[in-house]
Amino acid sequence: IASYGLTETTPVLTFATLKNHLKELPREEQDALKARAGLPVPTVDLRVVDEEGSDIEPDGKAIGEVVVKSNVVMAGYWGDPEATAETFDEDGWFHTGDMATIDEEGYIQIADRKKDIIISGGENISSLEVERVLYSHPAVLEAAVIAVPHEFWGEVPKAVVSLKPGETASEEDIIEHCRGCLARYKVPKSVQFVEELPKGGTGKILKNVLKQRCSRGEP
C-alpha cells in the first residue's frame, strides 16, 4: 500500500487504503487505487488547491498543490522565519510544494514538485509523467524533462536524455514514441542527448542544473 508524506509532516499524511465500497471493484482497479498516494490519515486535513487557493476539480485530471493542516505538521523551520512564512499561508495551511490530482473519492496522486511543473498555454504538464514515457523507450537509460521558454506557449517541455550503451535513437524517434503515449501538448518539443545527466550526492537528477545550462545555451 502506497503512502505519502514529508519530513515536515513527521512524516505520513496519506495511506492508499481502500474504502469499503471500493473493495467490490475488479482487482486491477483496486491495485490502481492502492498505487496512488491515497487518502488523508486521521487528524490530517488535506486539500488540493489552485494558485488562488481554491479547491481544484476532483476529477483525477486537474493538478493543484497539496496543502495540509494537522498536529503532525511542524510549527516552522528552526531559525528561518522567512522560510516558515513562505510555507504557511495566512489561514495556517502548510504548502507542501507537491502537485497532485484528486478524484471524487478523495484519493490523491502526486504529479510532480511544484517547481518542476511545466505550464504550457495554461495547461499543467507533469514532468514525471513525461519522464515515465521516456523511460519506456528501449534505448533510454536516463531522462529528465524541464521547461524551456516559448514565445507563444510561455513554456514547453524539453527532454534531456542519455542512451543505453550500444543503443541509438534520434530526436524524432523519441518524440514519436512520446506522441503515441501522451496528449499532444505534453510531448517534448525538443530532445537533447547527453552522455550523463547531472546528479546530486543521493543520485537524484539535478533539474536545476539542467535548467541553468539550457538558459546559458550550454550542452
N, C-alpha and C. Protein backbone atom coordinates (compact mmCIF):
# COMPACT_ATOMS: atom_id res chain seq x y z
N ILE A 1 0.85 -1.19 0.00
CA ILE A 1 0.00 0.00 0.00
C ILE A 1 0.88 1.24 0.00
N ALA A 2 0.59 2.16 -0.90
CA ALA A 2 1.39 3.37 -1.01
C ALA A 2 1.00 4.37 0.08
N SER A 3 1.90 5.30 0.33
CA SER A 3 1.64 6.37 1.29
C SER A 3 2.38 7.62 0.82
N TYR A 4 2.14 8.72 1.52
CA TYR A 4 2.76 9.99 1.14
C TYR A 4 2.97 10.85 2.37
N GLY A 5 4.10 11.54 2.40
CA GLY A 5 4.37 12.45 3.49
C GLY A 5 5.68 13.17 3.27
N LEU A 6 6.02 14.05 4.19
CA LEU A 6 7.24 14.82 4.11
C LEU A 6 7.93 14.81 5.47
N THR A 7 9.19 15.19 5.49
CA THR A 7 9.90 15.33 6.76
C THR A 7 9.16 16.32 7.66
N GLU A 8 8.62 17.38 7.06
CA GLU A 8 7.93 18.41 7.84
C GLU A 8 6.60 17.94 8.42
N THR A 9 6.15 16.76 7.99
CA THR A 9 4.86 16.26 8.49
C THR A 9 5.03 14.99 9.31
N THR A 10 6.19 14.68 9.71
CA THR A 10 6.59 13.63 10.68
C THR A 10 5.96 12.25 10.53
N PRO A 11 6.07 11.53 9.44
CA PRO A 11 6.09 12.10 8.11
C PRO A 11 4.85 11.77 7.30
N VAL A 12 3.96 10.86 7.79
CA VAL A 12 2.90 10.33 6.91
C VAL A 12 1.65 11.22 6.93
N LEU A 13 1.18 11.53 5.72
CA LEU A 13 -0.07 12.28 5.56
C LEU A 13 -1.19 11.42 5.00
N THR A 14 -0.84 10.46 4.15
CA THR A 14 -1.86 9.64 3.50
C THR A 14 -1.45 8.18 3.45
N PHE A 15 -2.46 7.32 3.35
CA PHE A 15 -2.27 5.90 3.04
C PHE A 15 -3.28 5.53 1.96
N ALA A 16 -2.88 4.64 1.07
CA ALA A 16 -3.76 4.22 -0.02
C ALA A 16 -4.62 3.04 0.40
N THR A 17 -5.37 3.23 1.47
CA THR A 17 -6.31 2.20 1.91
C THR A 17 -7.58 2.28 1.08
N LEU A 18 -8.26 1.15 0.95
CA LEU A 18 -9.48 1.11 0.17
C LEU A 18 -10.71 1.39 1.04
N LYS A 19 -11.58 2.27 0.56
CA LYS A 19 -12.87 2.44 1.20
C LYS A 19 -13.66 1.14 1.02
N ASN A 20 -14.53 0.85 1.98
CA ASN A 20 -15.24 -0.44 1.96
C ASN A 20 -15.98 -0.68 0.65
N HIS A 21 -16.66 0.33 0.13
CA HIS A 21 -17.46 0.10 -1.08
C HIS A 21 -16.59 -0.08 -2.32
N LEU A 22 -15.30 0.27 -2.22
CA LEU A 22 -14.40 0.09 -3.36
C LEU A 22 -13.77 -1.29 -3.39
N LYS A 23 -13.97 -2.06 -2.33
CA LYS A 23 -13.41 -3.42 -2.29
C LYS A 23 -14.16 -4.38 -3.20
N GLU A 24 -15.27 -3.90 -3.77
CA GLU A 24 -16.03 -4.71 -4.73
C GLU A 24 -15.54 -4.50 -6.16
N LEU A 25 -14.62 -3.56 -6.35
CA LEU A 25 -14.10 -3.29 -7.68
C LEU A 25 -13.25 -4.46 -8.18
N PRO A 26 -13.07 -4.58 -9.51
CA PRO A 26 -12.15 -5.59 -10.04
C PRO A 26 -10.75 -5.40 -9.46
N ARG A 27 -9.99 -6.48 -9.39
CA ARG A 27 -8.67 -6.45 -8.78
C ARG A 27 -7.77 -5.39 -9.40
N GLU A 28 -7.83 -5.23 -10.73
CA GLU A 28 -6.96 -4.26 -11.40
C GLU A 28 -7.25 -2.84 -10.92
N GLU A 29 -8.54 -2.52 -10.74
CA GLU A 29 -8.91 -1.18 -10.28
C GLU A 29 -8.52 -0.98 -8.82
N GLN A 30 -8.64 -2.03 -8.01
CA GLN A 30 -8.20 -1.93 -6.62
C GLN A 30 -6.69 -1.67 -6.55
N ASP A 31 -5.94 -2.40 -7.36
CA ASP A 31 -4.48 -2.23 -7.36
C ASP A 31 -4.09 -0.82 -7.80
N ALA A 32 -4.83 -0.27 -8.77
CA ALA A 32 -4.55 1.08 -9.24
C ALA A 32 -4.77 2.10 -8.12
N LEU A 33 -5.82 1.92 -7.33
CA LEU A 33 -6.08 2.82 -6.21
C LEU A 33 -5.00 2.69 -5.14
N LYS A 34 -4.57 1.45 -4.88
CA LYS A 34 -3.54 1.22 -3.86
C LYS A 34 -2.19 1.80 -4.26
N ALA A 35 -2.00 2.02 -5.56
CA ALA A 35 -0.74 2.57 -6.04
C ALA A 35 -0.70 4.09 -5.95
N ARG A 36 -1.84 4.71 -5.66
CA ARG A 36 -1.88 6.17 -5.53
C ARG A 36 -1.37 6.58 -4.15
N ALA A 37 -1.21 7.89 -3.98
CA ALA A 37 -0.75 8.38 -2.67
C ALA A 37 -1.81 8.13 -1.60
N GLY A 38 -3.08 8.11 -2.01
CA GLY A 38 -4.12 7.66 -1.09
C GLY A 38 -4.97 8.73 -0.46
N LEU A 39 -5.51 8.38 0.72
CA LEU A 39 -6.44 9.22 1.48
C LEU A 39 -5.75 9.78 2.72
N PRO A 40 -6.17 10.96 3.18
CA PRO A 40 -5.58 11.51 4.40
C PRO A 40 -5.78 10.59 5.59
N VAL A 41 -4.77 10.48 6.44
CA VAL A 41 -4.89 9.69 7.66
C VAL A 41 -5.66 10.52 8.69
N PRO A 42 -6.17 9.88 9.75
CA PRO A 42 -6.88 10.63 10.79
C PRO A 42 -6.02 11.77 11.34
N THR A 43 -6.65 12.87 11.67
CA THR A 43 -6.08 14.12 12.19
C THR A 43 -5.48 15.00 11.10
N VAL A 44 -5.49 14.55 9.85
CA VAL A 44 -4.93 15.35 8.76
C VAL A 44 -6.05 15.92 7.90
N ASP A 45 -6.09 17.24 7.79
CA ASP A 45 -6.96 17.91 6.83
C ASP A 45 -6.13 18.20 5.59
N LEU A 46 -6.58 17.73 4.45
CA LEU A 46 -5.80 17.85 3.21
C LEU A 46 -6.68 18.38 2.10
N ARG A 47 -6.12 19.32 1.35
CA ARG A 47 -6.80 19.87 0.17
C ARG A 47 -5.81 19.91 -0.98
N VAL A 48 -6.34 19.98 -2.20
CA VAL A 48 -5.52 20.21 -3.39
C VAL A 48 -6.07 21.47 -4.03
N VAL A 49 -5.22 22.51 -4.11
CA VAL A 49 -5.72 23.84 -4.46
C VAL A 49 -5.01 24.42 -5.68
N ASP A 50 -5.68 25.39 -6.31
CA ASP A 50 -5.08 26.09 -7.44
C ASP A 50 -4.28 27.29 -6.94
N GLU A 51 -3.81 28.12 -7.86
CA GLU A 51 -2.96 29.25 -7.49
C GLU A 51 -3.68 30.27 -6.63
N GLU A 52 -5.02 30.30 -6.71
CA GLU A 52 -5.80 31.24 -5.91
C GLU A 52 -6.19 30.66 -4.55
N GLY A 53 -5.81 29.40 -4.30
CA GLY A 53 -6.14 28.77 -3.04
C GLY A 53 -7.50 28.11 -3.01
N SER A 54 -8.14 27.98 -4.17
CA SER A 54 -9.44 27.30 -4.26
C SER A 54 -9.24 25.83 -4.57
N ASP A 55 -10.13 24.99 -4.06
CA ASP A 55 -10.04 23.56 -4.33
C ASP A 55 -10.20 23.29 -5.82
N ILE A 56 -9.35 22.42 -6.35
CA ILE A 56 -9.44 22.08 -7.76
C ILE A 56 -10.59 21.09 -7.98
N GLU A 57 -10.93 20.88 -9.22
CA GLU A 57 -11.97 19.93 -9.58
C GLU A 57 -11.51 18.51 -9.23
N PRO A 58 -12.30 17.76 -8.45
CA PRO A 58 -11.88 16.39 -8.08
C PRO A 58 -12.19 15.39 -9.19
N ASP A 59 -11.52 15.57 -10.33
CA ASP A 59 -11.79 14.72 -11.48
C ASP A 59 -10.65 13.77 -11.81
N GLY A 60 -9.59 13.80 -10.97
CA GLY A 60 -8.45 12.94 -11.22
C GLY A 60 -7.57 13.41 -12.36
N LYS A 61 -7.84 14.61 -12.89
CA LYS A 61 -7.07 15.14 -14.02
C LYS A 61 -6.46 16.50 -13.72
N ALA A 62 -7.26 17.40 -13.16
CA ALA A 62 -6.75 18.73 -12.81
C ALA A 62 -5.63 18.60 -11.79
N ILE A 63 -4.64 19.48 -11.88
CA ILE A 63 -3.47 19.42 -11.00
C ILE A 63 -3.42 20.67 -10.12
N GLY A 64 -3.20 20.46 -8.83
CA GLY A 64 -3.05 21.57 -7.90
C GLY A 64 -2.03 21.22 -6.83
N GLU A 65 -1.80 22.15 -5.90
CA GLU A 65 -0.82 21.91 -4.84
C GLU A 65 -1.48 21.30 -3.62
N VAL A 66 -0.81 20.34 -3.01
CA VAL A 66 -1.28 19.71 -1.78
C VAL A 66 -0.99 20.65 -0.61
N VAL A 67 -2.04 21.00 0.14
CA VAL A 67 -1.87 21.80 1.36
C VAL A 67 -2.53 21.04 2.51
N VAL A 68 -1.96 21.15 3.70
CA VAL A 68 -2.46 20.37 4.83
C VAL A 68 -2.48 21.18 6.12
N LYS A 69 -3.35 20.75 7.02
CA LYS A 69 -3.37 21.21 8.41
C LYS A 69 -3.43 19.98 9.29
N SER A 70 -2.61 19.96 10.33
CA SER A 70 -2.62 18.80 11.23
C SER A 70 -1.68 19.05 12.40
N ASN A 71 -1.91 18.30 13.48
CA ASN A 71 -0.98 18.39 14.61
C ASN A 71 0.32 17.64 14.33
N VAL A 72 0.40 16.95 13.17
CA VAL A 72 1.66 16.29 12.82
C VAL A 72 2.56 17.19 11.99
N VAL A 73 2.05 18.35 11.59
CA VAL A 73 2.84 19.29 10.78
C VAL A 73 3.73 20.12 11.70
N MET A 74 4.94 20.34 11.27
CA MET A 74 5.89 21.12 12.06
C MET A 74 5.34 22.51 12.35
N ALA A 75 5.88 23.14 13.39
CA ALA A 75 5.49 24.51 13.73
C ALA A 75 6.19 25.52 12.83
N GLY A 76 7.36 25.15 12.31
CA GLY A 76 8.12 26.05 11.45
C GLY A 76 9.54 25.57 11.31
N TYR A 77 10.30 26.26 10.46
CA TYR A 77 11.71 25.92 10.25
C TYR A 77 12.56 26.64 11.31
N TRP A 78 13.35 25.87 12.03
CA TRP A 78 14.15 26.41 13.12
C TRP A 78 15.10 27.50 12.62
N GLY A 79 14.97 28.68 13.21
CA GLY A 79 15.87 29.77 12.89
C GLY A 79 15.68 30.37 11.51
N ASP A 80 14.55 30.04 10.85
CA ASP A 80 14.33 30.55 9.49
C ASP A 80 12.89 31.03 9.35
N PRO A 81 12.57 32.17 9.95
CA PRO A 81 11.18 32.66 9.90
C PRO A 81 10.72 33.00 8.49
N GLU A 82 11.64 33.38 7.60
CA GLU A 82 11.24 33.71 6.24
C GLU A 82 10.75 32.46 5.50
N ALA A 83 11.48 31.35 5.64
CA ALA A 83 11.06 30.10 5.00
C ALA A 83 9.73 29.63 5.58
N THR A 84 9.55 29.81 6.89
CA THR A 84 8.30 29.42 7.53
C THR A 84 7.14 30.23 6.97
N ALA A 85 7.34 31.54 6.84
CA ALA A 85 6.28 32.42 6.32
C ALA A 85 5.93 32.08 4.88
N GLU A 86 6.91 31.63 4.10
CA GLU A 86 6.66 31.27 2.71
C GLU A 86 5.90 29.96 2.59
N THR A 87 6.02 29.11 3.61
CA THR A 87 5.44 27.76 3.54
C THR A 87 4.02 27.71 4.09
N PHE A 88 3.72 28.52 5.11
CA PHE A 88 2.39 28.56 5.69
C PHE A 88 1.64 29.79 5.19
N ASP A 89 0.37 29.60 4.77
CA ASP A 89 -0.40 30.76 4.34
C ASP A 89 -1.08 31.40 5.55
N GLU A 90 -1.81 32.46 5.31
CA GLU A 90 -2.40 33.24 6.41
C GLU A 90 -3.48 32.47 7.16
N ASP A 91 -4.01 31.42 6.54
CA ASP A 91 -5.03 30.60 7.21
C ASP A 91 -4.43 29.37 7.90
N GLY A 92 -3.10 29.28 7.89
CA GLY A 92 -2.44 28.19 8.60
C GLY A 92 -2.24 26.92 7.80
N TRP A 93 -2.53 26.94 6.50
CA TRP A 93 -2.32 25.75 5.67
C TRP A 93 -0.84 25.65 5.30
N PHE A 94 -0.29 24.45 5.48
CA PHE A 94 1.10 24.18 5.11
C PHE A 94 1.14 23.79 3.64
N HIS A 95 1.90 24.54 2.86
CA HIS A 95 2.02 24.29 1.42
C HIS A 95 3.20 23.34 1.18
N THR A 96 2.88 22.15 0.70
CA THR A 96 3.90 21.09 0.59
C THR A 96 4.86 21.29 -0.57
N GLY A 97 4.43 22.04 -1.60
CA GLY A 97 5.24 22.15 -2.80
C GLY A 97 5.07 20.98 -3.73
N ASP A 98 4.17 20.04 -3.37
CA ASP A 98 3.89 18.89 -4.22
C ASP A 98 2.59 19.12 -4.98
N MET A 99 2.60 18.81 -6.25
CA MET A 99 1.42 18.95 -7.10
C MET A 99 0.76 17.59 -7.27
N ALA A 100 -0.57 17.59 -7.28
CA ALA A 100 -1.29 16.32 -7.30
C ALA A 100 -2.64 16.47 -7.97
N THR A 101 -3.22 15.34 -8.31
CA THR A 101 -4.62 15.28 -8.71
C THR A 101 -5.41 14.69 -7.54
N ILE A 102 -6.72 14.89 -7.57
CA ILE A 102 -7.59 14.28 -6.57
C ILE A 102 -8.87 13.84 -7.28
N ASP A 103 -9.35 12.64 -6.94
CA ASP A 103 -10.56 12.15 -7.61
C ASP A 103 -11.78 12.34 -6.72
N GLU A 104 -12.93 11.93 -7.22
CA GLU A 104 -14.18 12.17 -6.50
C GLU A 104 -14.27 11.39 -5.19
N GLU A 105 -13.44 10.35 -5.04
CA GLU A 105 -13.42 9.58 -3.80
C GLU A 105 -12.45 10.16 -2.78
N GLY A 106 -11.66 11.17 -3.21
CA GLY A 106 -10.72 11.80 -2.30
C GLY A 106 -9.31 11.26 -2.38
N TYR A 107 -9.04 10.32 -3.30
CA TYR A 107 -7.69 9.77 -3.45
C TYR A 107 -6.82 10.76 -4.22
N ILE A 108 -5.63 11.01 -3.69
CA ILE A 108 -4.71 11.90 -4.39
C ILE A 108 -3.62 11.09 -5.08
N GLN A 109 -3.09 11.68 -6.13
CA GLN A 109 -1.97 11.10 -6.86
C GLN A 109 -0.95 12.20 -7.10
N ILE A 110 0.26 12.03 -6.58
CA ILE A 110 1.29 13.05 -6.74
C ILE A 110 1.71 13.12 -8.20
N ALA A 111 1.70 14.35 -8.75
CA ALA A 111 2.05 14.55 -10.15
C ALA A 111 3.48 15.03 -10.32
N ASP A 112 3.95 15.90 -9.41
CA ASP A 112 5.27 16.49 -9.59
C ASP A 112 5.55 17.43 -8.43
N ARG A 113 6.79 17.91 -8.36
CA ARG A 113 7.10 19.03 -7.49
C ARG A 113 6.63 20.31 -8.19
N LYS A 114 6.15 21.26 -7.40
CA LYS A 114 5.62 22.50 -7.98
C LYS A 114 6.65 23.19 -8.85
N LYS A 115 7.91 23.17 -8.42
CA LYS A 115 8.97 23.86 -9.16
C LYS A 115 9.27 23.18 -10.49
N ASP A 116 8.83 21.92 -10.65
CA ASP A 116 9.13 21.17 -11.88
C ASP A 116 7.93 21.07 -12.82
N ILE A 117 6.76 21.55 -12.39
CA ILE A 117 5.59 21.55 -13.26
C ILE A 117 5.85 22.51 -14.43
N ILE A 118 5.46 22.09 -15.61
CA ILE A 118 5.60 22.91 -16.82
C ILE A 118 4.23 23.47 -17.16
N ILE A 119 4.13 24.79 -17.29
CA ILE A 119 2.86 25.42 -17.62
C ILE A 119 2.93 25.90 -19.07
N SER A 120 2.23 25.19 -19.93
CA SER A 120 2.29 25.46 -21.37
C SER A 120 0.91 25.83 -21.88
N GLY A 121 0.76 27.07 -22.31
CA GLY A 121 -0.54 27.51 -22.80
C GLY A 121 -1.63 27.41 -21.75
N GLY A 122 -1.26 27.57 -20.48
CA GLY A 122 -2.23 27.49 -19.39
C GLY A 122 -2.48 26.08 -18.89
N GLU A 123 -1.88 25.07 -19.52
CA GLU A 123 -2.05 23.68 -19.10
C GLU A 123 -0.86 23.24 -18.24
N ASN A 124 -1.16 22.54 -17.14
CA ASN A 124 -0.10 21.99 -16.30
C ASN A 124 0.38 20.66 -16.86
N ILE A 125 1.69 20.54 -17.02
CA ILE A 125 2.28 19.30 -17.52
C ILE A 125 3.20 18.74 -16.44
N SER A 126 2.96 17.50 -16.04
CA SER A 126 3.81 16.84 -15.06
C SER A 126 5.07 16.33 -15.75
N SER A 127 6.22 16.82 -15.31
CA SER A 127 7.47 16.33 -15.89
C SER A 127 7.65 14.84 -15.60
N LEU A 128 7.14 14.38 -14.45
CA LEU A 128 7.27 12.96 -14.10
C LEU A 128 6.49 12.07 -15.06
N GLU A 129 5.31 12.53 -15.46
CA GLU A 129 4.51 11.75 -16.40
C GLU A 129 5.24 11.59 -17.73
N VAL A 130 5.83 12.68 -18.21
CA VAL A 130 6.56 12.61 -19.48
C VAL A 130 7.81 11.74 -19.32
N GLU A 131 8.47 11.85 -18.18
CA GLU A 131 9.67 11.05 -17.95
C GLU A 131 9.36 9.55 -17.92
N ARG A 132 8.21 9.19 -17.36
CA ARG A 132 7.83 7.77 -17.35
C ARG A 132 7.71 7.23 -18.76
N VAL A 133 7.18 8.04 -19.65
CA VAL A 133 7.06 7.62 -21.05
C VAL A 133 8.44 7.51 -21.69
N LEU A 134 9.31 8.47 -21.41
CA LEU A 134 10.67 8.42 -21.96
C LEU A 134 11.40 7.16 -21.51
N TYR A 135 11.25 6.81 -20.24
CA TYR A 135 11.93 5.63 -19.72
C TYR A 135 11.39 4.33 -20.33
N SER A 136 10.20 4.39 -20.91
CA SER A 136 9.66 3.19 -21.55
C SER A 136 10.23 2.97 -22.94
N HIS A 137 10.99 3.94 -23.45
CA HIS A 137 11.66 3.75 -24.75
C HIS A 137 12.85 2.80 -24.53
N PRO A 138 13.00 1.79 -25.35
CA PRO A 138 14.03 0.77 -25.11
C PRO A 138 15.47 1.28 -25.15
N ALA A 139 15.70 2.43 -25.78
CA ALA A 139 17.08 2.93 -25.88
C ALA A 139 17.45 3.90 -24.77
N VAL A 140 16.47 4.33 -23.97
CA VAL A 140 16.72 5.38 -22.99
C VAL A 140 17.25 4.81 -21.68
N LEU A 141 18.37 5.35 -21.22
CA LEU A 141 18.94 4.97 -19.94
C LEU A 141 18.47 5.91 -18.83
N GLU A 142 18.59 7.21 -19.07
CA GLU A 142 18.16 8.22 -18.10
C GLU A 142 17.45 9.35 -18.84
N ALA A 143 16.53 10.00 -18.13
CA ALA A 143 15.79 11.09 -18.77
C ALA A 143 15.32 12.09 -17.74
N ALA A 144 15.27 13.33 -18.16
CA ALA A 144 14.69 14.40 -17.34
C ALA A 144 13.96 15.34 -18.27
N VAL A 145 12.87 15.91 -17.78
CA VAL A 145 12.08 16.84 -18.58
C VAL A 145 12.03 18.17 -17.85
N ILE A 146 12.36 19.23 -18.55
CA ILE A 146 12.38 20.57 -17.96
C ILE A 146 11.58 21.53 -18.84
N ALA A 147 11.23 22.66 -18.26
CA ALA A 147 10.53 23.71 -19.01
C ALA A 147 11.55 24.62 -19.68
N VAL A 148 11.27 24.96 -20.93
CA VAL A 148 12.08 25.97 -21.62
C VAL A 148 11.12 27.03 -22.16
N PRO A 149 11.58 28.28 -22.24
CA PRO A 149 10.70 29.37 -22.69
C PRO A 149 10.22 29.16 -24.12
N HIS A 150 8.98 29.62 -24.37
CA HIS A 150 8.42 29.58 -25.72
C HIS A 150 7.66 30.87 -25.96
N GLU A 151 7.86 31.47 -27.11
CA GLU A 151 7.29 32.79 -27.40
C GLU A 151 5.77 32.79 -27.33
N PHE A 152 5.13 31.71 -27.79
CA PHE A 152 3.67 31.68 -27.84
C PHE A 152 3.07 30.98 -26.63
N TRP A 153 3.61 29.80 -26.26
CA TRP A 153 3.01 28.98 -25.21
C TRP A 153 3.52 29.32 -23.81
N GLY A 154 4.51 30.18 -23.71
CA GLY A 154 5.07 30.52 -22.40
C GLY A 154 6.19 29.58 -22.02
N GLU A 155 5.84 28.30 -21.89
CA GLU A 155 6.82 27.24 -21.64
C GLU A 155 6.43 26.02 -22.46
N VAL A 156 7.43 25.22 -22.81
CA VAL A 156 7.19 23.92 -23.44
C VAL A 156 8.15 22.92 -22.83
N PRO A 157 7.80 21.62 -22.86
CA PRO A 157 8.70 20.61 -22.30
C PRO A 157 9.86 20.28 -23.22
N LYS A 158 11.02 20.14 -22.61
CA LYS A 158 12.22 19.69 -23.31
C LYS A 158 12.74 18.45 -22.61
N ALA A 159 13.10 17.43 -23.37
CA ALA A 159 13.64 16.19 -22.81
C ALA A 159 15.16 16.20 -22.91
N VAL A 160 15.81 15.84 -21.81
CA VAL A 160 17.26 15.64 -21.80
C VAL A 160 17.48 14.16 -21.52
N VAL A 161 18.17 13.50 -22.44
CA VAL A 161 18.21 12.03 -22.43
C VAL A 161 19.63 11.51 -22.58
N SER A 162 19.93 10.45 -21.85
CA SER A 162 21.15 9.67 -22.12
C SER A 162 20.70 8.28 -22.56
N LEU A 163 21.44 7.71 -23.50
CA LEU A 163 21.06 6.42 -24.07
C LEU A 163 21.87 5.28 -23.46
N LYS A 164 21.29 4.10 -23.51
CA LYS A 164 21.98 2.90 -23.03
C LYS A 164 23.19 2.62 -23.93
N PRO A 165 24.25 2.04 -23.36
CA PRO A 165 25.43 1.71 -24.17
C PRO A 165 25.05 0.85 -25.37
N GLY A 166 25.53 1.25 -26.54
CA GLY A 166 25.27 0.49 -27.75
C GLY A 166 23.95 0.78 -28.42
N GLU A 167 23.10 1.60 -27.79
CA GLU A 167 21.80 1.93 -28.37
C GLU A 167 21.86 3.26 -29.11
N THR A 168 21.01 3.41 -30.10
CA THR A 168 20.91 4.66 -30.84
C THR A 168 19.44 5.07 -30.94
N ALA A 169 19.23 6.37 -31.01
CA ALA A 169 17.89 6.92 -31.21
C ALA A 169 18.05 8.37 -31.64
N SER A 170 17.16 8.82 -32.49
CA SER A 170 17.19 10.20 -32.94
C SER A 170 16.16 11.02 -32.16
N GLU A 171 16.24 12.32 -32.31
CA GLU A 171 15.26 13.19 -31.67
C GLU A 171 13.85 12.83 -32.13
N GLU A 172 13.68 12.59 -33.42
CA GLU A 172 12.36 12.24 -33.94
C GLU A 172 11.88 10.90 -33.39
N ASP A 173 12.80 9.94 -33.20
CA ASP A 173 12.42 8.65 -32.60
C ASP A 173 11.80 8.86 -31.23
N ILE A 174 12.46 9.68 -30.42
CA ILE A 174 11.99 9.91 -29.05
C ILE A 174 10.65 10.65 -29.06
N ILE A 175 10.55 11.67 -29.89
CA ILE A 175 9.31 12.45 -29.94
C ILE A 175 8.16 11.59 -30.45
N GLU A 176 8.40 10.78 -31.45
CA GLU A 176 7.35 9.91 -31.99
C GLU A 176 6.88 8.91 -30.94
N HIS A 177 7.81 8.39 -30.16
CA HIS A 177 7.46 7.48 -29.07
C HIS A 177 6.53 8.18 -28.08
N CYS A 178 6.83 9.42 -27.76
CA CYS A 178 6.01 10.17 -26.81
C CYS A 178 4.63 10.48 -27.40
N ARG A 179 4.59 10.75 -28.69
CA ARG A 179 3.30 11.04 -29.33
C ARG A 179 2.32 9.89 -29.18
N GLY A 180 2.84 8.68 -29.13
CA GLY A 180 1.96 7.52 -29.01
C GLY A 180 1.43 7.30 -27.62
N CYS A 181 1.94 8.06 -26.63
CA CYS A 181 1.57 7.82 -25.24
C CYS A 181 1.02 9.04 -24.51
N LEU A 182 1.20 10.22 -25.09
CA LEU A 182 0.85 11.45 -24.38
C LEU A 182 -0.05 12.35 -25.22
N ALA A 183 -0.80 13.20 -24.53
CA ALA A 183 -1.54 14.25 -25.23
C ALA A 183 -0.55 15.15 -25.96
N ARG A 184 -0.99 15.75 -27.05
CA ARG A 184 -0.08 16.50 -27.91
C ARG A 184 0.69 17.58 -27.15
N TYR A 185 0.00 18.30 -26.26
CA TYR A 185 0.67 19.42 -25.58
C TYR A 185 1.72 18.96 -24.58
N LYS A 186 1.70 17.66 -24.21
CA LYS A 186 2.67 17.14 -23.25
C LYS A 186 3.93 16.59 -23.93
N VAL A 187 3.88 16.41 -25.23
CA VAL A 187 5.01 15.82 -25.96
C VAL A 187 6.18 16.81 -25.98
N PRO A 188 7.40 16.36 -25.63
CA PRO A 188 8.55 17.27 -25.69
C PRO A 188 8.70 17.89 -27.07
N LYS A 189 8.99 19.18 -27.09
CA LYS A 189 9.17 19.87 -28.36
C LYS A 189 10.61 19.75 -28.87
N SER A 190 11.50 19.32 -27.99
CA SER A 190 12.89 19.10 -28.39
C SER A 190 13.50 18.05 -27.48
N VAL A 191 14.55 17.41 -27.98
CA VAL A 191 15.27 16.38 -27.22
C VAL A 191 16.76 16.67 -27.31
N GLN A 192 17.40 16.71 -26.16
CA GLN A 192 18.85 16.89 -26.11
C GLN A 192 19.48 15.61 -25.59
N PHE A 193 20.48 15.11 -26.30
CA PHE A 193 21.18 13.90 -25.88
C PHE A 193 22.48 14.27 -25.17
N VAL A 194 22.71 13.64 -24.02
CA VAL A 194 23.92 13.89 -23.24
C VAL A 194 24.54 12.56 -22.84
N GLU A 195 25.81 12.60 -22.50
CA GLU A 195 26.49 11.38 -22.04
C GLU A 195 25.97 10.96 -20.68
N GLU A 196 25.75 11.95 -19.81
CA GLU A 196 25.31 11.67 -18.44
C GLU A 196 24.56 12.87 -17.90
N LEU A 197 23.52 12.62 -17.13
CA LEU A 197 22.76 13.70 -16.52
C LEU A 197 23.39 14.08 -15.17
N PRO A 198 23.39 15.36 -14.82
CA PRO A 198 23.98 15.78 -13.54
C PRO A 198 23.17 15.24 -12.36
N LYS A 199 23.89 14.79 -11.32
CA LYS A 199 23.22 14.20 -10.16
C LYS A 199 23.82 14.73 -8.88
N GLY A 200 23.01 14.70 -7.83
CA GLY A 200 23.47 15.07 -6.50
C GLY A 200 24.06 13.88 -5.78
N GLY A 201 24.37 14.08 -4.50
CA GLY A 201 25.01 13.03 -3.72
C GLY A 201 24.16 11.79 -3.53
N THR A 202 22.83 11.94 -3.61
CA THR A 202 21.93 10.79 -3.44
C THR A 202 21.60 10.12 -4.76
N GLY A 203 22.17 10.65 -5.86
CA GLY A 203 21.89 10.07 -7.17
C GLY A 203 20.70 10.69 -7.87
N LYS A 204 20.07 11.69 -7.25
CA LYS A 204 18.92 12.34 -7.86
C LYS A 204 19.37 13.28 -8.97
N ILE A 205 18.67 13.23 -10.11
CA ILE A 205 18.99 14.11 -11.23
C ILE A 205 18.70 15.55 -10.84
N LEU A 206 19.65 16.43 -11.11
CA LEU A 206 19.55 17.84 -10.72
C LEU A 206 18.95 18.65 -11.87
N LYS A 207 17.64 18.82 -11.82
CA LYS A 207 16.97 19.56 -12.89
C LYS A 207 17.33 21.03 -12.87
N ASN A 208 17.63 21.57 -11.68
CA ASN A 208 18.01 22.98 -11.63
C ASN A 208 19.30 23.23 -12.41
N VAL A 209 20.21 22.26 -12.38
CA VAL A 209 21.46 22.38 -13.15
C VAL A 209 21.15 22.34 -14.65
N LEU A 210 20.25 21.44 -15.05
CA LEU A 210 19.87 21.35 -16.46
C LEU A 210 19.23 22.65 -16.93
N LYS A 211 18.37 23.24 -16.08
CA LYS A 211 17.71 24.50 -16.45
C LYS A 211 18.74 25.61 -16.61
N GLN A 212 19.72 25.65 -15.70
CA GLN A 212 20.75 26.68 -15.78
C GLN A 212 21.58 26.51 -17.05
N ARG A 213 21.92 25.27 -17.37
CA ARG A 213 22.70 25.02 -18.58
C ARG A 213 21.93 25.45 -19.83
N CYS A 214 20.64 25.12 -19.86
CA CYS A 214 19.83 25.49 -21.02
C CYS A 214 19.72 27.00 -21.16
N SER A 215 19.56 27.69 -20.03
CA SER A 215 19.43 29.14 -20.08
C SER A 215 20.71 29.80 -20.59
N ARG A 216 21.85 29.12 -20.37
CA ARG A 216 23.13 29.65 -20.84
C ARG A 216 23.50 29.10 -22.21
N GLY A 217 22.65 28.23 -22.76
CA GLY A 217 22.93 27.65 -24.06
C GLY A 217 24.02 26.61 -24.04
N GLU A 218 24.25 26.01 -22.84
CA GLU A 218 25.29 25.00 -22.71
C GLU A 218 24.71 23.61 -22.94
N PRO A 219 25.52 22.65 -23.39
CA PRO A 219 25.05 21.28 -23.57
C PRO A 219 24.86 20.58 -22.24
